[in-house]
Protein backbone atom coordinates (compact mmCIF):
# COMPACT_ATOMS: atom_id res chain seq x y z
CA UNK A 1 -26.88 4.82 6.01
CA UNK A 2 -23.63 3.45 7.44
CA UNK A 3 -20.67 3.73 5.07
CA UNK A 4 -18.02 1.02 5.21
CA UNK A 5 -14.61 1.33 3.61
CA UNK A 6 -12.32 -1.43 2.39
CA UNK A 7 -8.82 -0.56 1.26
CA UNK A 8 -7.20 -3.01 -1.12
CA UNK A 9 -3.66 -2.39 -2.33
CA UNK A 10 -1.25 -4.61 -4.26
CA UNK A 11 1.85 -5.14 -2.15
CA UNK A 12 3.95 -7.65 -4.07
CA UNK A 13 7.62 -6.89 -3.31
CA UNK A 14 6.59 -3.83 -1.26
CA UNK A 15 7.41 -4.96 2.28
CA UNK A 16 9.63 -1.91 2.83
CA UNK A 17 6.76 0.43 1.93
CA UNK A 18 3.99 -1.04 4.08
CA UNK A 19 4.48 1.31 7.02
CA UNK A 20 4.29 4.33 4.70
CA UNK A 21 1.19 2.93 3.00
CA UNK A 22 -0.45 2.40 6.38
CA UNK A 23 0.48 5.93 7.52
CA UNK A 24 -0.98 7.52 4.38
CA UNK A 25 -4.18 5.48 4.40
CA UNK A 26 -4.69 6.19 8.10
CA UNK A 27 -4.11 9.91 7.53
CA UNK A 28 -6.80 10.02 4.84
CA UNK A 29 -9.24 7.83 6.76
CA UNK A 30 -8.82 10.00 9.87
CA UNK A 31 -10.31 12.88 7.88
CA UNK A 32 -13.58 10.96 7.57
CA UNK A 33 -14.20 11.44 11.28
CA UNK A 34 -14.97 7.77 11.79
CA UNK A 35 -13.04 5.46 14.04
CA UNK A 36 -11.49 2.66 12.10
CA UNK A 37 -10.49 -0.83 13.00
CA UNK A 38 -6.80 -0.87 12.16
CA UNK A 39 -6.50 -4.25 13.83
CA UNK A 40 -8.07 -5.71 10.72
CA UNK A 41 -4.97 -4.73 8.75
CA UNK A 42 -3.44 -7.95 7.56
CA UNK A 43 -0.02 -8.34 6.06
CA UNK A 44 1.06 -11.58 4.51
CA UNK A 45 4.68 -12.40 3.98
CA UNK A 46 5.32 -13.48 0.42
CA UNK A 47 6.42 -17.01 -0.11
CA UNK A 48 8.62 -18.30 -2.87
CA UNK A 49 6.83 -19.93 -5.74
CA UNK A 50 7.98 -23.38 -6.75
CA UNK A 51 10.09 -23.38 -9.89
């Protein structure tokens, strides 16, 4: 059976921490011995909400 992982993390107001989050997730996922597809990592820039 093929195992697939999806990592979902709230990142509101966390733009400065994204590289550290990526590093930590990658470090853990590397221990699984499976090659990942880091190109699927998507970051969205927050936009201001209308007031």
